[in-house]
Protein backbone atom coordinates (compact mmCIF):
# COMPACT_ATOMS: atom_id res chain seq x y z
CA MET A 1 -14.03 -10.88 -16.37
CA ASN A 2 -15.04 -12.42 -13.23
CA VAL A 3 -16.90 -10.44 -10.40
CA PRO A 4 -14.97 -10.35 -7.44
CA GLU A 5 -16.54 -11.33 -4.38
CA ARG A 6 -13.04 -11.98 -1.71
CA VAL A 7 -10.75 -9.47 -0.80
CA SER A 8 -7.25 -11.20 0.71
CA VAL A 9 -5.79 -8.24 2.52
CA ILE A 10 -1.92 -8.41 2.55
CA ILE A 11 0.25 -5.99 4.99
CA PRO A 12 4.33 -5.67 4.56
CA ALA A 13 5.23 -5.12 8.35
CA LEU A 14 8.83 -4.33 9.47
CA ASN A 15 8.85 -3.41 13.24
CA GLU A 16 5.41 -1.90 13.02
CA GLU A 17 4.58 -2.87 16.92
CA LYS A 18 3.71 0.70 17.35
CA THR A 19 1.25 0.83 15.09
CA ILE A 20 -0.10 -2.61 13.73
CA GLY A 21 -2.16 -3.23 16.77
CA ALA A 22 -4.53 0.07 15.25
CA THR A 23 -4.26 -1.06 11.71
CA LEU A 24 -5.81 -4.83 12.41
CA ALA A 25 -8.19 -4.04 15.01
CA ALA A 26 -10.14 -1.48 12.85
CA LEU A 27 -9.41 -4.00 9.60
CA THR A 28 -11.16 -6.95 11.77
CA ALA A 29 -13.77 -4.72 12.14
CA LEU A 30 -14.51 -4.63 8.84
CA ALA A 31 -14.16 -8.75 8.48
CA PRO A 32 -12.51 -8.72 5.43
CA ASP A 33 -11.91 -12.41 4.37
CA GLU A 34 -8.72 -12.80 4.68
CA ILE A 35 -5.89 -11.17 6.55
CA ILE A 36 -2.20 -11.66 5.90
CA VAL A 37 0.66 -10.02 7.91
CA VAL A 38 4.14 -10.62 6.01
CA ASP A 39 6.90 -9.80 8.12
CA GLY A 40 10.51 -8.34 6.91
CA GLY A 41 12.57 -9.91 9.80
CA SER A 42 11.05 -7.00 12.83
CA ALA A 43 13.13 -7.24 16.40
CA ASP A 44 10.07 -5.65 18.02
CA LYS A 45 6.72 -7.93 18.88
CA THR A 46 4.99 -7.06 15.45
CA ARG A 47 4.58 -10.48 14.63
CA GLU A 48 2.85 -11.60 17.87
CA ILE A 49 0.78 -8.41 17.73
CA GLY A 50 -0.22 -10.04 14.18
CA ALA A 51 -0.93 -13.60 15.50
CA GLN A 52 -2.79 -12.56 18.11
CA SER A 53 -5.20 -10.47 15.97
CA GLY A 54 -6.45 -13.90 14.33
CA ALA A 55 -4.05 -12.74 11.01
CA THR A 56 -1.93 -15.06 8.98
CA VAL A 57 1.61 -14.39 9.81
CA LEU A 58 3.79 -15.22 7.44
CA ALA A 59 7.67 -14.69 6.99
CA ALA A 60 10.22 -13.01 3.78
CA VAL A 61 13.23 -12.02 2.77
CA ARG A 62 13.13 -7.81 4.16
CA GLY A 63 11.70 -5.92 1.00
CA ARG A 64 8.30 -4.63 0.52
CA ALA A 65 7.68 -6.15 -3.07
CA ARG A 66 9.11 -9.59 -1.92
CA GLN A 67 6.73 -9.09 1.63
CA MET A 68 3.84 -8.45 -0.60
CA ASN A 69 4.59 -10.84 -3.41
CA ARG A 70 5.04 -13.30 -0.21
CA GLY A 71 2.07 -12.56 0.74
CA ALA A 72 0.25 -12.80 -2.80
CA GLN A 73 1.17 -16.47 -3.13
CA GLU A 74 -0.68 -17.47 -0.06
CA ALA A 75 -3.61 -15.65 -0.48
CA THR A 76 -6.84 -16.92 -1.42
CA GLY A 77 -9.19 -14.19 -2.32
CA ASP A 78 -10.03 -13.04 -5.99
CA VAL A 79 -8.97 -9.29 -5.18
CA LEU A 80 -5.99 -8.45 -3.28
CA LEU A 81 -5.31 -5.83 -1.38
CA PHE A 82 -1.64 -4.38 -0.29
CA LEU A 83 -2.15 -2.23 3.30
CA HIS A 84 0.63 -0.68 5.12
CA GLY A 85 1.24 -1.43 8.90
CA ASP A 86 0.56 2.26 9.85
CA THR A 87 -2.75 2.74 7.64
CA ARG A 88 -6.48 2.08 8.80
CA LEU A 89 -9.15 1.94 6.01
CA PRO A 90 -12.49 3.40 5.77
CA PRO A 91 -15.17 1.97 6.87
CA THR A 92 -16.87 1.76 4.19
CA ALA A 93 -13.88 0.11 2.05
CA LEU A 94 -14.47 -3.09 1.31
CA ASP A 95 -17.66 -2.18 -0.12
CA GLU A 96 -16.16 0.49 -2.38
CA ILE A 97 -13.87 -1.68 -3.52
CA VAL A 98 -16.34 -4.97 -4.96
CA ALA A 99 -18.60 -2.55 -6.15
CA ALA A 100 -15.71 -0.43 -7.99
CA LEU A 101 -15.01 -3.75 -9.66
CA LYS A 102 -18.00 -4.77 -10.47
CA ASP A 103 -17.22 -2.40 -13.64
CA PRO A 104 -14.68 -4.92 -16.08
CA ARG A 105 -13.19 -1.95 -16.90
CA TYR A 106 -11.53 -1.61 -13.89
CA LEU A 107 -8.40 -3.93 -12.29
CA GLY A 108 -7.57 -2.20 -9.81
CA GLY A 109 -7.61 0.53 -7.76
CA ARG A 110 -6.36 2.80 -5.09
CA PHE A 111 -8.22 5.16 -2.49
CA ASP A 112 -7.88 8.86 -1.28
CA ILE A 113 -5.06 9.47 1.43
CA GLU A 114 -5.21 11.56 4.93
CA LEU A 115 -1.94 12.07 6.75
CA GLU A 116 -2.12 12.05 10.63
CA GLY A 117 -0.36 14.17 12.15
CA GLU A 118 -0.27 17.96 13.85
CA HIS A 119 1.86 20.12 11.30
CA TRP A 120 -0.59 22.37 9.39
CA MET A 121 0.95 21.50 6.05
CA LEU A 122 0.36 17.77 6.37
CA LYS A 123 -3.19 18.16 5.19
CA ILE A 124 -2.09 19.85 1.92
CA VAL A 125 0.14 17.18 1.59
CA GLY A 126 -2.76 15.13 1.10
CA ALA A 127 -4.60 16.85 -0.96
CA LEU A 128 -1.74 17.19 -3.36
CA ILE A 129 -1.00 13.37 -3.35
CA ASN A 130 -4.57 12.73 -4.04
CA HIS A 131 -4.72 15.28 -6.56
CA ARG A 132 -1.74 13.85 -8.53
CA SER A 133 -2.72 10.09 -8.23
CA ARG A 134 -6.51 10.86 -9.45
CA ILE A 135 -4.23 12.75 -12.45
CA THR A 136 -2.24 10.40 -12.97
CA LYS A 137 -3.83 7.19 -12.21
CA VAL A 138 -0.41 6.21 -10.28
CA GLY A 139 -1.37 5.44 -6.79
CA THR A 140 1.48 4.82 -4.04
CA GLY A 141 1.44 2.15 -0.72
CA ASP A 142 -0.19 4.51 1.40
CA GLN A 143 -3.22 4.35 -1.13
CA ALA A 144 -3.93 1.07 0.03
CA ILE A 145 -3.78 -0.44 -3.45
CA PHE A 146 -6.29 -2.77 -4.73
CA VAL A 147 -6.14 -5.18 -7.76
CA ARG A 148 -7.81 -7.92 -9.30
CA ARG A 149 -5.76 -11.56 -8.58
CA GLU A 150 -6.04 -12.80 -11.80
CA VAL A 151 -4.51 -9.12 -13.29
CA PHE A 152 -1.78 -9.29 -10.51
CA ASN A 153 -1.05 -12.90 -11.89
CA ARG A 154 -0.78 -12.10 -15.31
CA MET A 155 1.47 -8.88 -14.52
CA GLY A 156 3.86 -11.72 -12.27
CA GLY A 157 3.33 -8.96 -9.03
CA PHE A 158 5.35 -6.59 -7.90
CA PRO A 159 8.78 -5.86 -9.56
CA ASP A 160 11.84 -7.24 -7.09
CA ILE A 161 13.30 -3.74 -7.06
CA PRO A 162 13.80 -1.80 -3.62
CA LEU A 163 11.78 1.97 -4.22
CA MET A 164 9.29 2.54 -6.01
CA GLU A 165 7.73 -0.56 -6.56
CA ASP A 166 4.33 1.23 -6.00
CA ILE A 167 5.11 3.43 -8.53
CA ALA A 168 6.04 0.62 -11.15
CA PHE A 169 3.00 -1.37 -10.26
CA CYS A 170 1.02 0.89 -10.84
CA ARG A 171 1.96 2.19 -14.08
CA ASP A 172 1.99 -1.43 -15.31
CA LEU A 173 -1.22 -1.82 -13.93
CA LYS A 174 -2.75 1.67 -15.78
CA ARG A 175 -0.52 -0.05 -19.61
CA LEU A 176 -3.63 -2.63 -19.15
CA GLY A 177 -6.69 -1.03 -18.05
CA GLY A 178 -8.84 0.86 -15.80
CA ILE A 179 -7.60 2.47 -12.47
CA ALA A 180 -10.14 3.09 -10.14
CA CYS A 181 -9.51 6.41 -7.57
CA LEU A 182 -11.83 5.87 -4.41
CA ARG A 183 -12.41 9.48 -2.90
CA SER A 184 -12.59 7.67 0.71
CA ARG A 185 -9.57 8.25 2.67
CA VAL A 186 -7.20 6.04 4.49
CA ILE A 187 -5.83 7.38 7.27
CA THR A 188 -1.87 7.17 7.47
CA SER A 189 0.37 8.14 9.85
CA ALA A 190 2.78 10.91 9.31
CA ARG A 191 5.35 9.68 11.62
CA ARG A 192 8.09 10.10 8.90
CA TRP A 193 7.18 13.21 8.17
CA GLU A 194 6.88 14.61 11.33
CA VAL A 195 10.39 12.89 12.50
CA GLU A 196 12.14 13.71 9.60
CA GLY A 197 10.44 17.58 9.30
CA VAL A 198 7.67 18.05 6.44
CA TRP A 199 9.49 20.65 4.58
CA ARG A 200 12.63 17.95 4.12
CA THR A 201 10.20 14.61 3.46
CA ILE A 202 8.84 16.64 0.57
CA VAL A 203 11.53 17.67 -0.97
CA LYS A 204 13.17 13.99 -0.66
CA MET A 205 10.14 11.95 -1.60
CA TRP A 206 9.90 13.90 -4.48
CA THR A 207 12.73 14.19 -5.41
CA LEU A 208 12.68 10.25 -5.47
CA LYS A 209 10.17 9.97 -7.68
CA PHE A 210 11.39 12.82 -10.22
CA LEU A 211 14.71 10.90 -10.37
CA TYR A 212 13.29 7.52 -10.83
CA LEU A 213 10.71 8.57 -13.51
CA ALA A 214 14.22 10.30 -14.99
CA GLY A 215 15.18 6.77 -15.44
CA VAL A 216 17.11 6.35 -12.51
CA SER A 217 17.60 2.85 -10.89
CA PRO A 218 16.03 2.46 -7.65
CA VAL A 219 19.21 0.61 -6.52
CA THR A 220 20.99 3.61 -7.06
CA LEU A 221 18.07 5.56 -5.44
CA LYS A 222 18.46 3.01 -2.27
CA ARG A 223 22.05 3.42 -2.45
CA PHE A 224 21.97 7.26 -2.11
CA TYR A 225 18.99 8.16 -0.24
CA GLY A 226 18.52 4.51 2.30
CA ASP A 227 15.01 3.43 2.91
CA ALA A 228 13.30 6.94 2.33
CA ARG A 229 9.87 5.07 3.18
């Protein structure tokens, strides 16, 4: 398996004008080989902010899976890093990814997460997310999932489902090989948790994951819970 050299960062975005500027500024400072923003039909200035940063801006049908797959089609790197528009990478992120994937056992991986907000529970929530994903080897989109491009292509990309595409992808990935669980932390906005309520969001997110793992269709989950992300 080839040693990766080029990292393409793909950001699926929808109405992220309040956060994507900081994400792109932090990312640009790391000088990845390529930054691609895939917009799902934003009604704000997300596309303009992306273009002003120097990123390649693409349009896609709304839906994270479709947007990420669209970005991957255009990416030229041999590593694909999927980053949410409200998430900032640690300064050493790209070097850590390349170092991890020099080990042929690892097909991809994810970072630890830190939820940026004021509520005291957020540190505990972040620690639990990190612990769970380290044990299960299944990351979530908030944790900046990365994967060798050749493996991504072999898998056919993210499954075209309205929810849980990140969980489904990581479960399939770990069946093929090793997952690198990097301990450096990405910083992600806790706006959803604070707006909806931390306890309510905890119950909602864990219920969704339980029902999905129990076999409930993501289409059904989307119908009852709406856009949980």
